[in-house]
Amino acid sequence: MMRTDDFDYILPEELIAQTPLQDRASSRLLICHRNDLEIIHESFHHLPKYFQKGDVLVLNDTKVLPSRLIGTKVLTNASIEVLLLRQIENDIWEALVKPARRIKVDDIVSFGDGSLSAKCTFSGEEGIRNFEMSYKGIFLEVLDKLGEMPLPPYIHEKLIDQNRYQTVYSKVVGSAAAPTAGLHFTKELLNEIKTLGVEVCYLTLHVGLGTFRPVSVEDVTKHTMHSEFYSLSKEVASLLNTAKSEKRRIIAVGTTSTRTLEAIFQKHQSFIAESGFTNIFIYPGYKFKAIDGLITNFHLPKSTLVMLVSAFASKEIIMNAYDEAIKQKYRFFSFGDSMFITDK
C-alpha cells in the first residue's frame, strides 16, 4: 500500500511565504535532476539558460475569479463564507461553504448591499453546495466589486495588489486558485525565452476543488480527485504533436498544465484539440507520456501535488530536494520559490 504519510515532511512555519516578492522573477530556483540527487541553486532570472532551442514551454492561461464571498444567511444573519469553484450552467455555481452545516437546500445568502444573493439548490459532502445566483447587472462586474481573491488558508497577510495572485499572461476567467508556478514569470522573461528559439504556448485548466481538498485516506490509491475544466486549442495541439515527433522537450509550467497534457495524451496517445473535464490523479507508478520537464513550486505535505512531482522524479529525489530547500531556507507554497525538474 502506498501511504499518504509517505509524502509527509516537516516544514518550519516561517518558511511559508506570506507575501509575493516585489520582483516576480527574483524568486529562487532549485534545479532538480530527476535521474540523480544533484541539486543546483539558482535565481528564477537565470531560468532561460536551462532551455534549449526547440523546447516547447506550456503555460496555463487561466484567470482567477475574485471568488471568495463573505455574506450573511437571510433570516438568521449568520456569517457565511462562499468560495465559488466553478460555473455549472447559467447562474448555477458549485461552491465550498464555511460553516457548511448552516446552509441547507433553499437557504439564501446575501452579499454586500444585497446586490448579490445565492439560493442553495443542492447540498453535497465536504462543504460542497450549489447556488443559484441572483444579481443586478453583469455577474463578473458584481463579483469584482464584492469578491476577494481566494488565497489559500495558510496565507494570513493581506494581499495589497490583487494582480499578484494572477500570472502576467492570465486570460481565460474561471479559476478558483492561481496556477502558482506561473507567478514567477514576467513578460520580459518570457520574451527572453522566446528569443532562444523556445516555443511558448498556452492551454487552460480552471483550478477547482482539487486544490483545496486534502488527501484524507490512508491509502493514496483510494483518493478521488475532483474534476476540473480544461481546454487545448487545435493550434497548440499541432505544435505539441510536432515537437513530440521531433523528440523536442515539452516543459510544463505547473501541475495544472501537466495534468491537462497527460490527461489528453493518456486518452488519445497524442495531443488533440478538445475541452472537457479531468480528474486525473498522478502519483508514483504513473508513466509520463506528455512532458519532459516540469517547473513547479514547493507543495504542501501529503498533498496530491507533492505526489505528482514525486511521480515525475521519484519520492527519494523529491524529498531530498525538499530537505535541501528547507536547509537553504527557500520560501514555500503559493508565493514561494520554484523548482525545475529536468533530466541532467
C-alpha atoms as a PDB file:
ATOM      1  CA  MET A   1       0.000   0.000   0.000  1.00  0.00           C
ATOM      2  CA  MET A   2       1.231   3.490  -0.876  1.00  0.00           C
ATOM      3  CA  ARG A   3       0.619   5.524   2.270  1.00  0.00           C
ATOM      4  CA  THR A   4      -0.322   9.198   2.340  1.00  0.00           C
ATOM      5  CA  ASP A   5       2.059   9.620   5.292  1.00  0.00           C
ATOM      6  CA  ASP A   6       4.942   8.619   3.000  1.00  0.00           C
ATOM      7  CA  PHE A   7       4.629  12.069   1.416  1.00  0.00           C
ATOM      8  CA  ASP A   8       4.817  13.989   4.666  1.00  0.00           C
ATOM      9  CA  TYR A   9       7.669  16.294   5.682  1.00  0.00           C
ATOM     10  CA  ILE A  10       8.269  18.815   8.449  1.00  0.00           C
ATOM     11  CA  LEU A  11       8.281  22.461   7.346  1.00  0.00           C
ATOM     12  CA  PRO A  12       9.133  25.330   9.714  1.00  0.00           C
ATOM     13  CA  GLU A  13       6.214  27.737   9.676  1.00  0.00           C
ATOM     14  CA  GLU A  14       8.468  30.723   8.974  1.00  0.00           C
ATOM     15  CA  LEU A  15       9.266  29.279   5.530  1.00  0.00           C
ATOM     16  CA  ILE A  16       5.655  29.592   4.359  1.00  0.00           C
ATOM     17  CA  ALA A  17       5.719  32.660   2.093  1.00  0.00           C
ATOM     18  CA  GLN A  18       3.050  35.132   3.178  1.00  0.00           C
ATOM     19  CA  THR A  19       3.541  37.792   0.507  1.00  0.00           C
ATOM     20  CA  PRO A  20       4.824  37.843  -3.078  1.00  0.00           C
ATOM     21  CA  LEU A  21       8.268  39.283  -3.792  1.00  0.00           C
ATOM     22  CA  GLN A  22       8.410  42.758  -5.296  1.00  0.00           C
ATOM     23  CA  ASP A  23      10.008  41.352  -8.451  1.00  0.00           C
ATOM     24  CA  ARG A  24       8.288  38.171  -9.665  1.00  0.00           C
ATOM     25  CA  ALA A  25      11.403  36.680 -11.247  1.00  0.00           C
ATOM     26  CA  SER A  26      13.671  37.324  -8.246  1.00  0.00           C
ATOM     27  CA  SER A  27      12.467  34.161  -6.530  1.00  0.00           C
ATOM     28  CA  ARG A  28      14.948  31.349  -6.014  1.00  0.00           C
ATOM     29  CA  LEU A  29      15.047  28.393  -8.386  1.00  0.00           C
ATOM     30  CA  LEU A  30      16.122  24.904  -7.401  1.00  0.00           C
ATOM     31  CA  ILE A  31      17.278  22.790 -10.352  1.00  0.00           C
ATOM     32  CA  CYS A  32      16.416  19.172  -9.575  1.00  0.00           C
ATOM     33  CA  HIS A  33      17.747  16.433 -11.847  1.00  0.00           C
ATOM     34  CA  ARG A  34      15.269  13.589 -11.910  1.00  0.00           C
ATOM     35  CA  ASN A  35      17.886  10.952 -12.678  1.00  0.00           C
ATOM     36  CA  ASP A  36      20.201  11.662  -9.748  1.00  0.00           C
ATOM     37  CA  LEU A  37      20.372  13.590  -6.476  1.00  0.00           C
ATOM     38  CA  GLU A  38      22.313  16.588  -7.848  1.00  0.00           C
ATOM     39  CA  ILE A  39      20.803  19.961  -6.967  1.00  0.00           C
ATOM     40  CA  ILE A  40      21.722  23.401  -8.301  1.00  0.00           C
ATOM     41  CA  HIS A  41      20.662  26.638  -6.596  1.00  0.00           C
ATOM     42  CA  GLU A  42      19.733  29.447  -8.968  1.00  0.00           C
ATOM     43  CA  SER A  43      17.636  32.583  -9.354  1.00  0.00           C
ATOM     44  CA  PHE A  44      14.492  32.372 -11.480  1.00  0.00           C
ATOM     45  CA  HIS A  45      16.004  35.161 -13.588  1.00  0.00           C
ATOM     46  CA  HIS A  46      18.503  32.555 -14.824  1.00  0.00           C
ATOM     47  CA  LEU A  47      15.878  30.011 -15.920  1.00  0.00           C
ATOM     48  CA  PRO A  48      16.459  30.699 -19.661  1.00  0.00           C
ATOM     49  CA  LYS A  49      19.959  29.211 -19.565  1.00  0.00           C
ATOM     50  CA  TYR A  50      18.404  25.812 -18.834  1.00  0.00           C
ATOM     51  CA  PHE A  51      16.388  25.834 -22.062  1.00  0.00           C
ATOM     52  CA  GLN A  52      17.423  24.546 -25.477  1.00  0.00           C
ATOM     53  CA  LYS A  53      16.430  25.782 -28.907  1.00  0.00           C
ATOM     54  CA  GLY A  54      13.320  23.880 -29.987  1.00  0.00           C
ATOM     55  CA  ASP A  55      11.954  23.361 -26.478  1.00  0.00           C
ATOM     56  CA  VAL A  56       8.232  23.951 -26.005  1.00  0.00           C
ATOM     57  CA  LEU A  57       7.115  25.758 -22.839  1.00  0.00           C
ATOM     58  CA  VAL A  58       3.464  25.185 -21.893  1.00  0.00           C
ATOM     59  CA  LEU A  59       1.674  27.586 -19.531  1.00  0.00           C
ATOM     60  CA  ASN A  60      -1.836  27.681 -18.083  1.00  0.00           C
ATOM     61  CA  ASP A  61      -3.595  30.946 -19.020  1.00  0.00           C
ATOM     62  CA  THR A  62      -6.489  30.582 -16.572  1.00  0.00           C
ATOM     63  CA  LYS A  63      -7.502  33.755 -14.718  1.00  0.00           C
ATOM     64  CA  VAL A  64      -8.562  33.688 -11.079  1.00  0.00           C
ATOM     65  CA  LEU A  65     -12.038  34.860 -10.157  1.00  0.00           C
ATOM     66  CA  PRO A  66     -12.334  37.062  -7.047  1.00  0.00           C
ATOM     67  CA  SER A  67     -14.495  34.181  -5.870  1.00  0.00           C
ATOM     68  CA  ARG A  68     -14.316  34.418  -2.076  1.00  0.00           C
ATOM     69  CA  LEU A  69     -17.548  35.971  -0.855  1.00  0.00           C
ATOM     70  CA  ILE A  70     -18.468  36.825   2.729  1.00  0.00           C
ATOM     71  CA  GLY A  71     -22.212  37.158   3.302  1.00  0.00           C
ATOM     72  CA  THR A  72     -24.996  36.588   5.749  1.00  0.00           C
ATOM     73  CA  LYS A  73     -27.654  33.919   5.836  1.00  0.00           C
ATOM     74  CA  VAL A  74     -31.056  35.507   5.338  1.00  0.00           C
ATOM     75  CA  LEU A  75     -33.342  35.076   8.399  1.00  0.00           C
ATOM     76  CA  THR A  76     -30.547  34.264  10.895  1.00  0.00           C
ATOM     77  CA  ASN A  77     -27.825  36.783   9.893  1.00  0.00           C
ATOM     78  CA  ALA A  78     -25.170  34.098  10.423  1.00  0.00           C
ATOM     79  CA  SER A  79     -21.876  34.943   8.733  1.00  0.00           C
ATOM     80  CA  ILE A  80     -21.223  32.631   5.759  1.00  0.00           C
ATOM     81  CA  GLU A  81     -18.160  32.266   3.536  1.00  0.00           C
ATOM     82  CA  VAL A  82     -18.827  31.077  -0.019  1.00  0.00           C
ATOM     83  CA  LEU A  83     -15.932  30.141  -2.289  1.00  0.00           C
ATOM     84  CA  LEU A  84     -17.113  29.763  -5.878  1.00  0.00           C
ATOM     85  CA  LEU A  85     -15.440  26.781  -7.540  1.00  0.00           C
ATOM     86  CA  ARG A  86     -16.984  26.528 -10.988  1.00  0.00           C
ATOM     87  CA  GLN A  87     -19.963  27.582 -13.063  1.00  0.00           C
ATOM     88  CA  ILE A  88     -22.203  24.583 -13.697  1.00  0.00           C
ATOM     89  CA  GLU A  89     -24.632  26.305 -16.060  1.00  0.00           C
ATOM     90  CA  ASN A  90     -26.037  29.811 -16.477  1.00  0.00           C
ATOM     91  CA  ASP A  91     -26.312  31.220 -12.928  1.00  0.00           C
ATOM     92  CA  ILE A  92     -25.772  27.916 -11.101  1.00  0.00           C
ATOM     93  CA  TRP A  93     -22.396  27.671  -9.357  1.00  0.00           C
ATOM     94  CA  GLU A  94     -20.660  24.982  -7.331  1.00  0.00           C
ATOM     95  CA  ALA A  95     -19.140  26.376  -4.149  1.00  0.00           C
ATOM     96  CA  LEU A  96     -17.298  25.451  -0.961  1.00  0.00           C
ATOM     97  CA  VAL A  97     -19.125  26.800   2.109  1.00  0.00           C
ATOM     98  CA  LYS A  98     -17.981  27.582   5.658  1.00  0.00           C
ATOM     99  CA  PRO A  99     -19.601  26.755   8.025  1.00  0.00           C
ATOM    100  CA  ALA A 100     -21.356  24.271   5.733  1.00  0.00           C
ATOM    101  CA  ARG A 101     -23.671  22.946   8.436  1.00  0.00           C
ATOM    102  CA  ARG A 102     -25.563  26.246   8.402  1.00  0.00           C
ATOM    103  CA  ILE A 103     -26.543  26.060   4.728  1.00  0.00           C
ATOM    104  CA  LYS A 104     -29.229  23.659   3.515  1.00  0.00           C
ATOM    105  CA  VAL A 105     -31.287  23.494   0.319  1.00  0.00           C
ATOM    106  CA  ASP A 106     -33.449  26.625  -0.175  1.00  0.00           C
ATOM    107  CA  ASP A 107     -31.381  28.717   2.266  1.00  0.00           C
ATOM    108  CA  ILE A 108     -30.387  32.134   0.890  1.00  0.00           C
ATOM    109  CA  VAL A 109     -27.132  34.019   1.468  1.00  0.00           C
ATOM    110  CA  SER A 110     -26.958  37.771   0.807  1.00  0.00           C
ATOM    111  CA  PHE A 111     -23.758  39.651  -0.051  1.00  0.00           C
ATOM    112  CA  GLY A 112     -22.781  43.300   0.209  1.00  0.00           C
ATOM    113  CA  ASP A 113     -25.696  45.701  -0.115  1.00  0.00           C
ATOM    114  CA  GLY A 114     -27.954  42.908  -1.358  1.00  0.00           C
ATOM    115  CA  SER A 115     -26.977  43.355  -4.998  1.00  0.00           C
ATOM    116  CA  LEU A 116     -25.968  39.676  -4.989  1.00  0.00           C
ATOM    117  CA  SER A 117     -27.717  36.743  -3.350  1.00  0.00           C
ATOM    118  CA  ALA A 118     -27.319  32.984  -3.595  1.00  0.00           C
ATOM    119  CA  LYS A 119     -30.018  30.342  -3.096  1.00  0.00           C
ATOM    120  CA  CYS A 120     -28.811  26.843  -2.225  1.00  0.00           C
ATOM    121  CA  THR A 121     -30.123  24.291  -4.738  1.00  0.00           C
ATOM    122  CA  PHE A 122     -28.017  21.264  -3.775  1.00  0.00           C
ATOM    123  CA  SER A 123     -26.227  20.086  -0.642  1.00  0.00           C
ATOM    124  CA  GLY A 124     -23.228  17.803  -1.111  1.00  0.00           C
ATOM    125  CA  GLU A 125     -20.492  16.347   1.072  1.00  0.00           C
ATOM    126  CA  GLU A 126     -17.359  18.046   2.421  1.00  0.00           C
ATOM    127  CA  GLY A 127     -18.879  21.535   2.381  1.00  0.00           C
ATOM    128  CA  ILE A 128     -19.954  21.495  -1.267  1.00  0.00           C
ATOM    129  CA  ARG A 129     -23.134  23.371  -2.160  1.00  0.00           C
ATOM    130  CA  ASN A 130     -24.694  24.510  -5.439  1.00  0.00           C
ATOM    131  CA  PHE A 131     -26.163  28.003  -5.578  1.00  0.00           C
ATOM    132  CA  GLU A 132     -28.401  29.869  -7.963  1.00  0.00           C
ATOM    133  CA  MET A 133     -27.063  33.413  -8.115  1.00  0.00           C
ATOM    134  CA  SER A 134     -29.359  36.443  -8.312  1.00  0.00           C
ATOM    135  CA  TYR A 135     -27.906  39.868  -9.113  1.00  0.00           C
ATOM    136  CA  LYS A 136     -28.362  43.144 -10.939  1.00  0.00           C
ATOM    137  CA  GLY A 137     -26.146  43.899 -13.914  1.00  0.00           C
ATOM    138  CA  ILE A 138     -23.220  41.778 -15.169  1.00  0.00           C
ATOM    139  CA  PHE A 139     -22.203  38.946 -12.855  1.00  0.00           C
ATOM    140  CA  LEU A 140     -18.419  39.287 -13.266  1.00  0.00           C
ATOM    141  CA  GLU A 141     -18.641  43.022 -12.560  1.00  0.00           C
ATOM    142  CA  VAL A 142     -20.662  42.329  -9.404  1.00  0.00           C
ATOM    143  CA  LEU A 143     -18.091  39.719  -8.380  1.00  0.00           C
ATOM    144  CA  ASP A 144     -15.227  42.173  -8.975  1.00  0.00           C
ATOM    145  CA  LYS A 145     -16.933  44.566  -6.592  1.00  0.00           C
ATOM    146  CA  LEU A 146     -17.887  42.158  -3.816  1.00  0.00           C
ATOM    147  CA  GLY A 147     -15.446  39.261  -4.081  1.00  0.00           C
ATOM    148  CA  GLU A 148     -11.928  38.730  -2.767  1.00  0.00           C
ATOM    149  CA  MET A 149      -9.046  36.719  -4.166  1.00  0.00           C
ATOM    150  CA  PRO A 150      -9.324  33.138  -2.841  1.00  0.00           C
ATOM    151  CA  LEU A 151      -5.942  32.970  -1.138  1.00  0.00           C
ATOM    152  CA  PRO A 152      -5.032  29.636   0.478  1.00  0.00           C
ATOM    153  CA  PRO A 153      -5.764  29.350   4.220  1.00  0.00           C
ATOM    154  CA  TYR A 154      -2.057  29.261   5.150  1.00  0.00           C
ATOM    155  CA  ILE A 155      -1.629  32.842   3.882  1.00  0.00           C
ATOM    156  CA  HIS A 156      -2.516  35.234   6.695  1.00  0.00           C
ATOM    157  CA  GLU A 157      -1.171  38.522   5.302  1.00  0.00           C
ATOM    158  CA  LYS A 158      -3.470  40.787   3.312  1.00  0.00           C
ATOM    159  CA  LEU A 159      -2.656  40.897  -0.406  1.00  0.00           C
ATOM    160  CA  ILE A 160      -2.155  44.559  -1.295  1.00  0.00           C
ATOM    161  CA  ASP A 161      -2.068  44.142  -5.078  1.00  0.00           C
ATOM    162  CA  GLN A 162      -4.721  41.633  -6.214  1.00  0.00           C
ATOM    163  CA  ASN A 163      -2.934  41.184  -9.546  1.00  0.00           C
ATOM    164  CA  ARG A 164      -0.042  39.465  -7.770  1.00  0.00           C
ATOM    165  CA  TYR A 165      -2.284  36.397  -7.452  1.00  0.00           C
ATOM    166  CA  GLN A 166      -2.611  36.377 -11.256  1.00  0.00           C
ATOM    167  CA  THR A 167       0.009  35.349 -13.800  1.00  0.00           C
ATOM    168  CA  VAL A 168       1.067  38.097 -16.237  1.00  0.00           C
ATOM    169  CA  TYR A 169      -0.446  36.005 -19.057  1.00  0.00           C
ATOM    170  CA  SER A 170      -3.773  35.166 -17.353  1.00  0.00           C
ATOM    171  CA  LYS A 171      -6.588  35.424 -19.862  1.00  0.00           C
ATOM    172  CA  VAL A 172      -9.478  32.952 -19.500  1.00  0.00           C
ATOM    173  CA  VAL A 173     -11.613  33.775 -16.439  1.00  0.00           C
ATOM    174  CA  GLY A 174     -12.828  30.868 -14.343  1.00  0.00           C
ATOM    175  CA  SER A 175     -10.261  29.613 -11.825  1.00  0.00           C
ATOM    176  CA  ALA A 176     -10.719  29.249  -8.061  1.00  0.00           C
ATOM    177  CA  ALA A 177      -6.955  29.462  -7.485  1.00  0.00           C
ATOM    178  CA  ALA A 178      -3.871  30.660  -9.314  1.00  0.00           C
ATOM    179  CA  PRO A 179      -1.576  28.268 -11.201  1.00  0.00           C
ATOM    180  CA  THR A 180       1.176  29.403  -8.876  1.00  0.00           C
ATOM    181  CA  ALA A 181       4.196  28.065 -10.787  1.00  0.00           C
ATOM    182  CA  GLY A 182       3.448  30.737 -13.381  1.00  0.00           C
ATOM    183  CA  LEU A 183       3.565  33.615 -10.887  1.00  0.00           C
ATOM    184  CA  HIS A 184       7.364  33.836 -11.289  1.00  0.00           C
ATOM    185  CA  PHE A 185       7.259  34.765 -14.973  1.00  0.00           C
ATOM    186  CA  THR A 186       7.418  38.335 -16.254  1.00  0.00           C
ATOM    187  CA  LYS A 187       6.694  39.440 -19.809  1.00  0.00           C
ATOM    188  CA  GLU A 188      10.367  40.322 -20.183  1.00  0.00           C
ATOM    189  CA  LEU A 189      11.485  36.863 -19.091  1.00  0.00           C
ATOM    190  CA  LEU A 190       9.039  35.176 -21.485  1.00  0.00           C
ATOM    191  CA  ASN A 191      10.367  37.329 -24.336  1.00  0.00           C
ATOM    192  CA  GLU A 192      13.930  36.369 -23.416  1.00  0.00           C
ATOM    193  CA  ILE A 193      12.945  32.685 -23.516  1.00  0.00           C
ATOM    194  CA  LYS A 194      11.343  33.116 -26.945  1.00  0.00           C
ATOM    195  CA  THR A 195      14.488  34.711 -28.359  1.00  0.00           C
ATOM    196  CA  LEU A 196      16.341  31.483 -27.549  1.00  0.00           C
ATOM    197  CA  GLY A 197      14.149  29.608 -30.035  1.00  0.00           C
ATOM    198  CA  VAL A 198      11.800  28.208 -27.419  1.00  0.00           C
ATOM    199  CA  GLU A 199       8.146  27.966 -28.485  1.00  0.00           C
ATOM    200  CA  VAL A 200       5.812  29.322 -25.792  1.00  0.00           C
ATOM    201  CA  CYS A 201       2.187  28.186 -25.867  1.00  0.00           C
ATOM    202  CA  TYR A 202      -0.876  28.138 -23.639  1.00  0.00           C
ATOM    203  CA  LEU A 203      -3.657  25.839 -22.510  1.00  0.00           C
ATOM    204  CA  THR A 204      -6.397  26.373 -19.941  1.00  0.00           C
ATOM    205  CA  LEU A 205      -7.236  24.478 -16.783  1.00  0.00           C
ATOM    206  CA  HIS A 206      -9.521  26.124 -14.247  1.00  0.00           C
ATOM    207  CA  VAL A 207      -8.277  25.145 -10.802  1.00  0.00           C
ATOM    208  CA  GLY A 208     -11.120  23.825  -8.657  1.00  0.00           C
ATOM    209  CA  LEU A 209     -11.719  21.816  -5.506  1.00  0.00           C
ATOM    210  CA  GLY A 210      -8.759  19.542  -6.186  1.00  0.00           C
ATOM    211  CA  THR A 211      -6.515  22.332  -4.919  1.00  0.00           C
ATOM    212  CA  PHE A 212      -8.407  22.692  -1.637  1.00  0.00           C
ATOM    213  CA  ARG A 213      -9.273  19.099  -0.860  1.00  0.00           C
ATOM    214  CA  PRO A 214      -6.678  17.352   1.340  1.00  0.00           C
ATOM    215  CA  VAL A 215      -5.905  13.666   0.987  1.00  0.00           C
ATOM    216  CA  SER A 216      -7.870  12.196   3.901  1.00  0.00           C
ATOM    217  CA  VAL A 217      -7.417   8.498   3.172  1.00  0.00           C
ATOM    218  CA  GLU A 218      -4.511   6.385   4.424  1.00  0.00           C
ATOM    219  CA  ASP A 219      -4.108   4.566   1.094  1.00  0.00           C
ATOM    220  CA  VAL A 220      -3.131   7.025  -1.667  1.00  0.00           C
ATOM    221  CA  THR A 221      -4.852   4.949  -4.351  1.00  0.00           C
ATOM    222  CA  LYS A 222      -8.224   5.381  -2.622  1.00  0.00           C
ATOM    223  CA  HIS A 223      -8.222   9.185  -3.034  1.00  0.00           C
ATOM    224  CA  THR A 224     -10.607  10.635  -5.616  1.00  0.00           C
ATOM    225  CA  MET A 225      -9.735  13.844  -7.440  1.00  0.00           C
ATOM    226  CA  HIS A 226     -12.356  16.483  -8.157  1.00  0.00           C
ATOM    227  CA  SER A 227     -12.955  17.178 -11.860  1.00  0.00           C
ATOM    228  CA  GLU A 228     -11.590  20.399 -13.343  1.00  0.00           C
ATOM    229  CA  PHE A 229     -12.313  22.002 -16.716  1.00  0.00           C
ATOM    230  CA  TYR A 230      -9.556  22.135 -19.340  1.00  0.00           C
ATOM    231  CA  SER A 231      -9.196  23.281 -22.932  1.00  0.00           C
ATOM    232  CA  LEU A 232      -6.495  22.771 -25.561  1.00  0.00           C
ATOM    233  CA  SER A 233      -6.617  24.553 -28.938  1.00  0.00           C
ATOM    234  CA  LYS A 234      -6.030  22.959 -32.334  1.00  0.00           C
ATOM    235  CA  GLU A 235      -3.012  25.194 -32.923  1.00  0.00           C
ATOM    236  CA  VAL A 236      -1.312  24.208 -29.677  1.00  0.00           C
ATOM    237  CA  ALA A 237      -2.145  20.509 -30.131  1.00  0.00           C
ATOM    238  CA  SER A 238      -0.467  20.599 -33.560  1.00  0.00           C
ATOM    239  CA  LEU A 239       2.586  22.377 -32.168  1.00  0.00           C
ATOM    240  CA  LEU A 240       2.928  19.793 -29.384  1.00  0.00           C
ATOM    241  CA  ASN A 241       2.498  16.823 -31.717  1.00  0.00           C
ATOM    242  CA  THR A 242       5.214  18.194 -33.986  1.00  0.00           C
ATOM    243  CA  ALA A 243       7.560  18.678 -31.031  1.00  0.00           C
ATOM    244  CA  LYS A 244       6.837  15.155 -29.805  1.00  0.00           C
ATOM    245  CA  SER A 245       7.523  13.625 -33.233  1.00  0.00           C
ATOM    246  CA  GLU A 246      10.799  15.543 -33.468  1.00  0.00           C
ATOM    247  CA  LYS A 247      11.775  14.457 -29.938  1.00  0.00           C
ATOM    248  CA  ARG A 248      11.966  18.030 -28.691  1.00  0.00           C
ATOM    249  CA  ARG A 249      11.380  18.698 -24.997  1.00  0.00           C
ATOM    250  CA  ILE A 250       7.920  19.669 -23.759  1.00  0.00           C
ATOM    251  CA  ILE A 251       8.250  21.558 -20.487  1.00  0.00           C
ATOM    252  CA  ALA A 252       5.109  22.162 -18.435  1.00  0.00           C
ATOM    253  CA  VAL A 253       4.740  25.117 -16.102  1.00  0.00           C
ATOM    254  CA  GLY A 254       2.857  23.838 -13.090  1.00  0.00           C
ATOM    255  CA  THR A 255       0.957  20.750 -12.083  1.00  0.00           C
ATOM    256  CA  THR A 256      -2.192  22.087 -13.773  1.00  0.00           C
ATOM    257  CA  SER A 257      -0.538  22.226 -17.202  1.00  0.00           C
ATOM    258  CA  THR A 258       0.960  18.795 -16.523  1.00  0.00           C
ATOM    259  CA  ARG A 259      -2.362  17.208 -15.611  1.00  0.00           C
ATOM    260  CA  THR A 260      -4.021  18.651 -18.718  1.00  0.00           C
ATOM    261  CA  LEU A 261      -1.323  17.412 -21.098  1.00  0.00           C
ATOM    262  CA  GLU A 262      -1.117  13.980 -19.500  1.00  0.00           C
ATOM    263  CA  ALA A 263      -4.906  13.563 -19.398  1.00  0.00           C
ATOM    264  CA  ILE A 264      -5.217  14.304 -23.114  1.00  0.00           C
ATOM    265  CA  PHE A 265      -2.221  12.219 -24.168  1.00  0.00           C
ATOM    266  CA  GLN A 266      -3.273   9.297 -21.981  1.00  0.00           C
ATOM    267  CA  LYS A 267      -6.697   9.299 -23.627  1.00  0.00           C
ATOM    268  CA  HIS A 268      -5.665   9.737 -27.270  1.00  0.00           C
ATOM    269  CA  GLN A 269      -1.960   8.739 -27.418  1.00  0.00           C
ATOM    270  CA  SER A 270      -1.396  12.164 -28.978  1.00  0.00           C
ATOM    271  CA  PHE A 271      -2.384  15.781 -28.380  1.00  0.00           C
ATOM    272  CA  ILE A 272      -5.937  16.504 -29.521  1.00  0.00           C
ATOM    273  CA  ALA A 273      -7.772  19.828 -29.516  1.00  0.00           C
ATOM    274  CA  GLU A 274     -10.597  19.417 -27.027  1.00  0.00           C
ATOM    275  CA  SER A 275     -12.368  20.820 -23.989  1.00  0.00           C
ATOM    276  CA  GLY A 276     -13.716  18.799 -21.107  1.00  0.00           C
ATOM    277  CA  PHE A 277     -13.214  17.774 -17.502  1.00  0.00           C
ATOM    278  CA  THR A 278     -10.423  15.718 -15.999  1.00  0.00           C
ATOM    279  CA  ASN A 279      -9.953  14.116 -12.588  1.00  0.00           C
ATOM    280  CA  ILE A 280      -6.611  12.524 -13.446  1.00  0.00           C
ATOM    281  CA  PHE A 281      -4.663  11.684 -10.298  1.00  0.00           C
ATOM    282  CA  ILE A 282      -0.913  11.266 -10.800  1.00  0.00           C
ATOM    283  CA  TYR A 283       1.157   9.541  -8.122  1.00  0.00           C
ATOM    284  CA  PRO A 284       4.310   7.341  -8.112  1.00  0.00           C
ATOM    285  CA  GLY A 285       3.993   4.470 -10.535  1.00  0.00           C
ATOM    286  CA  TYR A 286       2.423   6.677 -13.210  1.00  0.00           C
ATOM    287  CA  LYS A 287       4.288   6.644 -16.536  1.00  0.00           C
ATOM    288  CA  PHE A 288       4.544  10.130 -18.014  1.00  0.00           C
ATOM    289  CA  LYS A 289       3.769  10.309 -21.720  1.00  0.00           C
ATOM    290  CA  ALA A 290       3.361  14.003 -22.495  1.00  0.00           C
ATOM    291  CA  ILE A 291       6.015  16.075 -20.710  1.00  0.00           C
ATOM    292  CA  ASP A 292       9.807  16.041 -20.410  1.00  0.00           C
ATOM    293  CA  GLY A 293      10.340  18.773 -17.816  1.00  0.00           C
ATOM    294  CA  LEU A 294       8.336  20.466 -15.061  1.00  0.00           C
ATOM    295  CA  ILE A 295       8.582  23.909 -13.471  1.00  0.00           C
ATOM    296  CA  THR A 296       6.688  23.925 -10.201  1.00  0.00           C
ATOM    297  CA  ASN A 297       6.520  25.420  -6.706  1.00  0.00           C
ATOM    298  CA  PHE A 298       7.101  23.626  -3.407  1.00  0.00           C
ATOM    299  CA  HIS A 299       3.896  21.902  -2.328  1.00  0.00           C
ATOM    300  CA  LEU A 300       2.097  21.080   0.904  1.00  0.00           C
ATOM    301  CA  PRO A 301       2.984  17.889   2.773  1.00  0.00           C
ATOM    302  CA  LYS A 302       0.807  14.881   1.906  1.00  0.00           C
ATOM    303  CA  SER A 303      -0.835  16.771  -0.989  1.00  0.00           C
ATOM    304  CA  THR A 304      -1.731  15.365  -4.406  1.00  0.00           C
ATOM    305  CA  LEU A 305       0.734  17.893  -5.849  1.00  0.00           C
ATOM    306  CA  VAL A 306       3.749  16.567  -3.966  1.00  0.00           C
ATOM    307  CA  MET A 307       2.638  13.098  -5.092  1.00  0.00           C
ATOM    308  CA  LEU A 308       2.612  14.260  -8.724  1.00  0.00           C
ATOM    309  CA  VAL A 309       6.140  15.667  -8.606  1.00  0.00           C
ATOM    310  CA  SER A 310       7.281  12.511  -6.803  1.00  0.00           C
ATOM    311  CA  ALA A 311       5.901  10.525  -9.729  1.00  0.00           C
ATOM    312  CA  PHE A 312       7.792  12.679 -12.235  1.00  0.00           C
ATOM    313  CA  ALA A 313      11.135  12.278 -10.472  1.00  0.00           C
ATOM    314  CA  SER A 314      10.943   9.839  -7.566  1.00  0.00           C
ATOM    315  CA  LYS A 315       9.908  10.173  -3.946  1.00  0.00           C
ATOM    316  CA  GLU A 316      13.553   9.873  -2.875  1.00  0.00           C
ATOM    317  CA  ILE A 317      14.723  12.627  -5.232  1.00  0.00           C
ATOM    318  CA  ILE A 318      11.857  14.987  -4.389  1.00  0.00           C
ATOM    319  CA  MET A 319      12.128  14.526  -0.621  1.00  0.00           C
ATOM    320  CA  ASN A 320      15.892  15.072  -0.888  1.00  0.00           C
ATOM    321  CA  ALA A 321      15.244  18.287  -2.846  1.00  0.00           C
ATOM    322  CA  TYR A 322      12.685  19.447  -0.275  1.00  0.00           C
ATOM    323  CA  ASP A 323      15.102  18.726   2.583  1.00  0.00           C
ATOM    324  CA  GLU A 324      17.767  20.783   0.821  1.00  0.00           C
ATOM    325  CA  ALA A 325      15.301  23.618   0.163  1.00  0.00           C
ATOM    326  CA  ILE A 326      14.389  23.700   3.849  1.00  0.00           C
ATOM    327  CA  LYS A 327      18.064  23.756   4.872  1.00  0.00           C
ATOM    328  CA  GLN A 328      18.679  26.636   2.450  1.00  0.00           C
ATOM    329  CA  LYS A 329      15.560  28.444   3.736  1.00  0.00           C
ATOM    330  CA  TYR A 330      13.647  28.553   0.470  1.00  0.00           C
ATOM    331  CA  ARG A 331      10.181  30.119   0.590  1.00  0.00           C
ATOM    332  CA  PHE A 332       7.365  27.559   0.254  1.00  0.00           C
ATOM    333  CA  PHE A 333       3.906  27.270  -1.304  1.00  0.00           C
ATOM    334  CA  SER A 334       1.880  29.733  -3.426  1.00  0.00           C
ATOM    335  CA  PHE A 335       4.035  32.868  -3.046  1.00  0.00           C
ATOM    336  CA  GLY A 336       7.207  30.873  -2.522  1.00  0.00           C
ATOM    337  CA  ASP A 337      10.181  29.809  -4.614  1.00  0.00           C
ATOM    338  CA  SER A 338      10.321  27.452  -7.574  1.00  0.00           C
ATOM    339  CA  MET A 339      11.973  24.300  -8.833  1.00  0.00           C
ATOM    340  CA  PHE A 340      12.724  22.979 -12.305  1.00  0.00           C
ATOM    341  CA  ILE A 341      12.628  19.181 -12.512  1.00  0.00           C
ATOM    342  CA  THR A 342      14.527  18.027 -15.574  1.00  0.00           C
ATOM    343  CA  ASP A 343      16.884  15.376 -16.873  1.00  0.00           C
ATOM    344  CA  LYS A 344      20.582  16.025 -16.330  1.00  0.00           C
END
